[in-house]
Amino acid sequence: MIPTIIISIIIAAVFFAIVGKGIYNRKHHKSGCGGCSGCGGCHSCGAKIPQK
């Protein structure tokens, strides 16, 4: 029973670390595509890309 609790705590800590990092990156305008300045259309920042 104790090993199950320890493993559950470790999994929860990893989950919250990943979610926390995602929230931190979103609040600091960091995205997976390199940011809005060179964005070619990932739309993660909500910017409007002009249509050609």
PDB file of N, CA and C in Angstrom:
ATOM      1  N   MET A   1       0.811  -1.192   0.000  1.00  0.00           N
ATOM      2  CA  MET A   1       0.000   0.000   0.000  1.00  0.00           C
ATOM      3  C   MET A   1       0.858   1.261   0.000  1.00  0.00           C
ATOM      4  N   ILE A   2       1.910   1.292   0.754  1.00  0.00           N
ATOM      5  CA  ILE A   2       2.805   2.451   0.807  1.00  0.00           C
ATOM      6  C   ILE A   2       3.459   2.721  -0.557  1.00  0.00           C
ATOM      7  N   PRO A   3       3.957   1.681  -1.256  1.00  0.00           N
ATOM      8  CA  PRO A   3       4.537   1.950  -2.581  1.00  0.00           C
ATOM      9  C   PRO A   3       3.519   2.559  -3.554  1.00  0.00           C
ATOM     10  N   THR A   4       2.270   2.148  -3.462  1.00  0.00           N
ATOM     11  CA  THR A   4       1.233   2.704  -4.330  1.00  0.00           C
ATOM     12  C   THR A   4       1.043   4.186  -4.053  1.00  0.00           C
ATOM     13  N   ILE A   5       1.048   4.566  -2.794  1.00  0.00           N
ATOM     14  CA  ILE A   5       0.891   5.970  -2.422  1.00  0.00           C
ATOM     15  C   ILE A   5       2.083   6.786  -2.908  1.00  0.00           C
ATOM     16  N   ILE A   6       3.283   6.269  -2.732  1.00  0.00           N
ATOM     17  CA  ILE A   6       4.491   6.974  -3.158  1.00  0.00           C
ATOM     18  C   ILE A   6       4.488   7.163  -4.673  1.00  0.00           C
ATOM     19  N   ILE A   7       4.162   6.125  -5.420  1.00  0.00           N
ATOM     20  CA  ILE A   7       4.124   6.223  -6.883  1.00  0.00           C
ATOM     21  C   ILE A   7       3.045   7.212  -7.320  1.00  0.00           C
ATOM     22  N   SER A   8       1.893   7.205  -6.651  1.00  0.00           N
ATOM     23  CA  SER A   8       0.819   8.146  -6.974  1.00  0.00           C
ATOM     24  C   SER A   8       1.256   9.581  -6.737  1.00  0.00           C
ATOM     25  N   ILE A   9       1.970   9.820  -5.656  1.00  0.00           N
ATOM     26  CA  ILE A   9       2.471  11.167  -5.360  1.00  0.00           C
ATOM     27  C   ILE A   9       3.476  11.603  -6.414  1.00  0.00           C
ATOM     28  N   ILE A  10       4.352  10.708  -6.838  1.00  0.00           N
ATOM     29  CA  ILE A  10       5.344  11.035  -7.869  1.00  0.00           C
ATOM     30  C   ILE A  10       4.650  11.361  -9.186  1.00  0.00           C
ATOM     31  N   ILE A  11       3.677  10.557  -9.576  1.00  0.00           N
ATOM     32  CA  ILE A  11       2.944  10.807 -10.826  1.00  0.00           C
ATOM     33  C   ILE A  11       2.203  12.140 -10.750  1.00  0.00           C
ATOM     34  N   ALA A  12       1.572  12.427  -9.622  1.00  0.00           N
ATOM     35  CA  ALA A  12       0.857  13.698  -9.451  1.00  0.00           C
ATOM     36  C   ALA A  12       1.825  14.876  -9.520  1.00  0.00           C
ATOM     37  N   ALA A  13       3.002  14.734  -8.918  1.00  0.00           N
ATOM     38  CA  ALA A  13       3.993  15.816  -8.950  1.00  0.00           C
ATOM     39  C   ALA A  13       4.462  16.082 -10.369  1.00  0.00           C
ATOM     40  N   VAL A  14       4.707  15.032 -11.145  1.00  0.00           N
ATOM     41  CA  VAL A  14       5.124  15.194 -12.538  1.00  0.00           C
ATOM     42  C   VAL A  14       4.007  15.860 -13.343  1.00  0.00           C
ATOM     43  N   PHE A  15       2.774  15.421 -13.140  1.00  0.00           N
ATOM     44  CA  PHE A  15       1.634  16.003 -13.844  1.00  0.00           C
ATOM     45  C   PHE A  15       1.511  17.493 -13.541  1.00  0.00           C
ATOM     46  N   PHE A  16       1.557  17.865 -12.257  1.00  0.00           N
ATOM     47  CA  PHE A  16       1.424  19.268 -11.890  1.00  0.00           C
ATOM     48  C   PHE A  16       2.610  20.096 -12.362  1.00  0.00           C
ATOM     49  N   ALA A  17       3.803  19.508 -12.433  1.00  0.00           N
ATOM     50  CA  ALA A  17       4.959  20.228 -12.960  1.00  0.00           C
ATOM     51  C   ALA A  17       4.781  20.531 -14.445  1.00  0.00           C
ATOM     52  N   ILE A  18       4.272  19.568 -15.204  1.00  0.00           N
ATOM     53  CA  ILE A  18       4.043  19.773 -16.634  1.00  0.00           C
ATOM     54  C   ILE A  18       2.964  20.827 -16.854  1.00  0.00           C
ATOM     55  N   VAL A  19       1.869  20.730 -16.123  1.00  0.00           N
ATOM     56  CA  VAL A  19       0.787  21.709 -16.262  1.00  0.00           C
ATOM     57  C   VAL A  19       1.272  23.099 -15.829  1.00  0.00           C
ATOM     58  N   GLY A  20       2.003  23.164 -14.734  1.00  0.00           N
ATOM     59  CA  GLY A  20       2.533  24.442 -14.257  1.00  0.00           C
ATOM     60  C   GLY A  20       3.479  25.078 -15.252  1.00  0.00           C
ATOM     61  N   LYS A  21       4.317  24.289 -15.877  1.00  0.00           N
ATOM     62  CA  LYS A  21       5.248  24.805 -16.883  1.00  0.00           C
ATOM     63  C   LYS A  21       4.484  25.341 -18.094  1.00  0.00           C
ATOM     64  N   GLY A  22       3.423  24.634 -18.479  1.00  0.00           N
ATOM     65  CA  GLY A  22       2.594  25.109 -19.588  1.00  0.00           C
ATOM     66  C   GLY A  22       1.922  26.433 -19.270  1.00  0.00           C
ATOM     67  N   ILE A  23       1.408  26.578 -18.057  1.00  0.00           N
ATOM     68  CA  ILE A  23       0.781  27.841 -17.649  1.00  0.00           C
ATOM     69  C   ILE A  23       1.823  28.949 -17.600  1.00  0.00           C
ATOM     70  N   TYR A  24       2.997  28.661 -17.062  1.00  0.00           N
ATOM     71  CA  TYR A  24       4.077  29.651 -17.007  1.00  0.00           C
ATOM     72  C   TYR A  24       4.456  30.116 -18.409  1.00  0.00           C
ATOM     73  N   ASN A  25       4.625  29.170 -19.333  1.00  0.00           N
ATOM     74  CA  ASN A  25       4.995  29.524 -20.698  1.00  0.00           C
ATOM     75  C   ASN A  25       3.916  30.360 -21.368  1.00  0.00           C
ATOM     76  N   ARG A  26       2.651  30.023 -21.142  1.00  0.00           N
ATOM     77  CA  ARG A  26       1.562  30.779 -21.750  1.00  0.00           C
ATOM     78  C   ARG A  26       1.523  32.205 -21.209  1.00  0.00           C
ATOM     79  N   LYS A  27       1.733  32.363 -19.912  1.00  0.00           N
ATOM     80  CA  LYS A  27       1.698  33.702 -19.314  1.00  0.00           C
ATOM     81  C   LYS A  27       2.895  34.541 -19.741  1.00  0.00           C
ATOM     82  N   HIS A  28       3.994  33.900 -20.083  1.00  0.00           N
ATOM     83  CA  HIS A  28       5.195  34.622 -20.506  1.00  0.00           C
ATOM     84  C   HIS A  28       5.363  34.608 -22.024  1.00  0.00           C
ATOM     85  N   HIS A  29       4.285  34.305 -22.721  1.00  0.00           N
ATOM     86  CA  HIS A  29       4.233  34.339 -24.186  1.00  0.00           C
ATOM     87  C   HIS A  29       5.308  33.503 -24.841  1.00  0.00           C
ATOM     88  N   LYS A  30       5.528  32.336 -24.307  1.00  0.00           N
ATOM     89  CA  LYS A  30       6.456  31.384 -24.920  1.00  0.00           C
ATOM     90  C   LYS A  30       5.615  30.274 -25.519  1.00  0.00           C
ATOM     91  N   SER A  31       5.894  29.921 -26.760  1.00  0.00           N
ATOM     92  CA  SER A  31       5.128  28.850 -27.380  1.00  0.00           C
ATOM     93  C   SER A  31       6.068  27.829 -27.985  1.00  0.00           C
ATOM     94  N   GLY A  32       5.521  26.707 -28.382  1.00  0.00           N
ATOM     95  CA  GLY A  32       6.318  25.634 -28.943  1.00  0.00           C
ATOM     96  C   GLY A  32       6.840  25.913 -30.331  1.00  0.00           C
ATOM     97  N   CYS A  33       6.278  26.921 -31.021  1.00  0.00           N
ATOM     98  CA  CYS A  33       6.697  27.183 -32.404  1.00  0.00           C
ATOM     99  C   CYS A  33       7.751  28.280 -32.486  1.00  0.00           C
ATOM    100  N   GLY A  34       8.265  28.752 -31.380  1.00  0.00           N
ATOM    101  CA  GLY A  34       9.325  29.752 -31.411  1.00  0.00           C
ATOM    102  C   GLY A  34       8.832  31.165 -31.168  1.00  0.00           C
ATOM    103  N   GLY A  35       7.586  31.332 -30.851  1.00  0.00           N
ATOM    104  CA  GLY A  35       7.053  32.659 -30.568  1.00  0.00           C
ATOM    105  C   GLY A  35       6.325  33.243 -31.765  1.00  0.00           C
ATOM    106  N   CYS A  36       5.632  34.326 -31.518  1.00  0.00           N
ATOM    107  CA  CYS A  36       4.786  34.930 -32.557  1.00  0.00           C
ATOM    108  C   CYS A  36       5.584  35.654 -33.634  1.00  0.00           C
ATOM    109  N   SER A  37       6.809  36.055 -33.352  1.00  0.00           N
ATOM    110  CA  SER A  37       7.552  36.850 -34.326  1.00  0.00           C
ATOM    111  C   SER A  37       7.841  36.074 -35.605  1.00  0.00           C
ATOM    112  N   GLY A  38       8.036  34.781 -35.504  1.00  0.00           N
ATOM    113  CA  GLY A  38       8.325  33.996 -36.699  1.00  0.00           C
ATOM    114  C   GLY A  38       7.247  32.981 -37.003  1.00  0.00           C
ATOM    115  N   CYS A  39       6.066  33.210 -36.446  1.00  0.00           N
ATOM    116  CA  CYS A  39       5.004  32.222 -36.557  1.00  0.00           C
ATOM    117  C   CYS A  39       4.473  32.159 -37.987  1.00  0.00           C
ATOM    118  N   GLY A  40       4.375  30.963 -38.497  1.00  0.00           N
ATOM    119  CA  GLY A  40       3.838  30.771 -39.827  1.00  0.00           C
ATOM    120  C   GLY A  40       2.413  30.273 -39.826  1.00  0.00           C
ATOM    121  N   GLY A  41       1.805  30.178 -38.681  1.00  0.00           N
ATOM    122  CA  GLY A  41       0.411  29.766 -38.667  1.00  0.00           C
ATOM    123  C   GLY A  41       0.033  28.755 -37.615  1.00  0.00           C
ATOM    124  N   CYS A  42       0.779  28.644 -36.531  1.00  0.00           N
ATOM    125  CA  CYS A  42       0.386  27.698 -35.494  1.00  0.00           C
ATOM    126  C   CYS A  42      -0.785  28.238 -34.676  1.00  0.00           C
ATOM    127  N   HIS A  43      -0.985  29.544 -34.668  1.00  0.00           N
ATOM    128  CA  HIS A  43      -2.104  30.230 -34.025  1.00  0.00           C
ATOM    129  C   HIS A  43      -2.182  29.996 -32.522  1.00  0.00           C
ATOM    130  N   SER A  44      -1.091  29.605 -31.884  1.00  0.00           N
ATOM    131  CA  SER A  44      -1.143  29.390 -30.445  1.00  0.00           C
ATOM    132  C   SER A  44      -1.225  30.698 -29.674  1.00  0.00           C
ATOM    133  N   CYS A  45      -0.807  31.788 -30.305  1.00  0.00           N
ATOM    134  CA  CYS A  45      -0.840  33.074 -29.603  1.00  0.00           C
ATOM    135  C   CYS A  45      -2.082  33.878 -29.955  1.00  0.00           C
ATOM    136  N   GLY A  46      -2.907  33.392 -30.858  1.00  0.00           N
ATOM    137  CA  GLY A  46      -4.128  34.085 -31.214  1.00  0.00           C
ATOM    138  C   GLY A  46      -3.941  35.195 -32.241  1.00  0.00           C
ATOM    139  N   ALA A  47      -2.749  35.292 -32.815  1.00  0.00           N
ATOM    140  CA  ALA A  47      -2.490  36.343 -33.801  1.00  0.00           C
ATOM    141  C   ALA A  47      -3.222  36.038 -35.102  1.00  0.00           C
ATOM    142  N   LYS A  48      -3.628  37.093 -35.746  1.00  0.00           N
ATOM    143  CA  LYS A  48      -4.304  36.954 -37.037  1.00  0.00           C
ATOM    144  C   LYS A  48      -3.239  36.971 -38.136  1.00  0.00           C
ATOM    145  N   ILE A  49      -3.146  35.903 -38.885  1.00  0.00           N
ATOM    146  CA  ILE A  49      -2.208  35.788 -39.992  1.00  0.00           C
ATOM    147  C   ILE A  49      -2.912  36.321 -41.249  1.00  0.00           C
ATOM    148  N   PRO A  50      -2.322  37.311 -41.919  1.00  0.00           N
ATOM    149  CA  PRO A  50      -2.983  37.844 -43.118  1.00  0.00           C
ATOM    150  C   PRO A  50      -3.072  36.794 -44.213  1.00  0.00           C
ATOM    151  N   GLN A  51      -4.208  36.750 -44.870  1.00  0.00           N
ATOM    152  CA  GLN A  51      -4.437  35.810 -45.973  1.00  0.00           C
ATOM    153  C   GLN A  51      -3.836  36.362 -47.262  1.00  0.00           C
ATOM    154  N   LYS A  52      -3.260  35.497 -48.079  1.00  0.00           N
ATOM    155  CA  LYS A  52      -2.639  35.922 -49.340  1.00  0.00           C
ATOM    156  C   LYS A  52      -3.647  35.871 -50.457  1.00  0.00           C
TER     157      LYS A  52
END
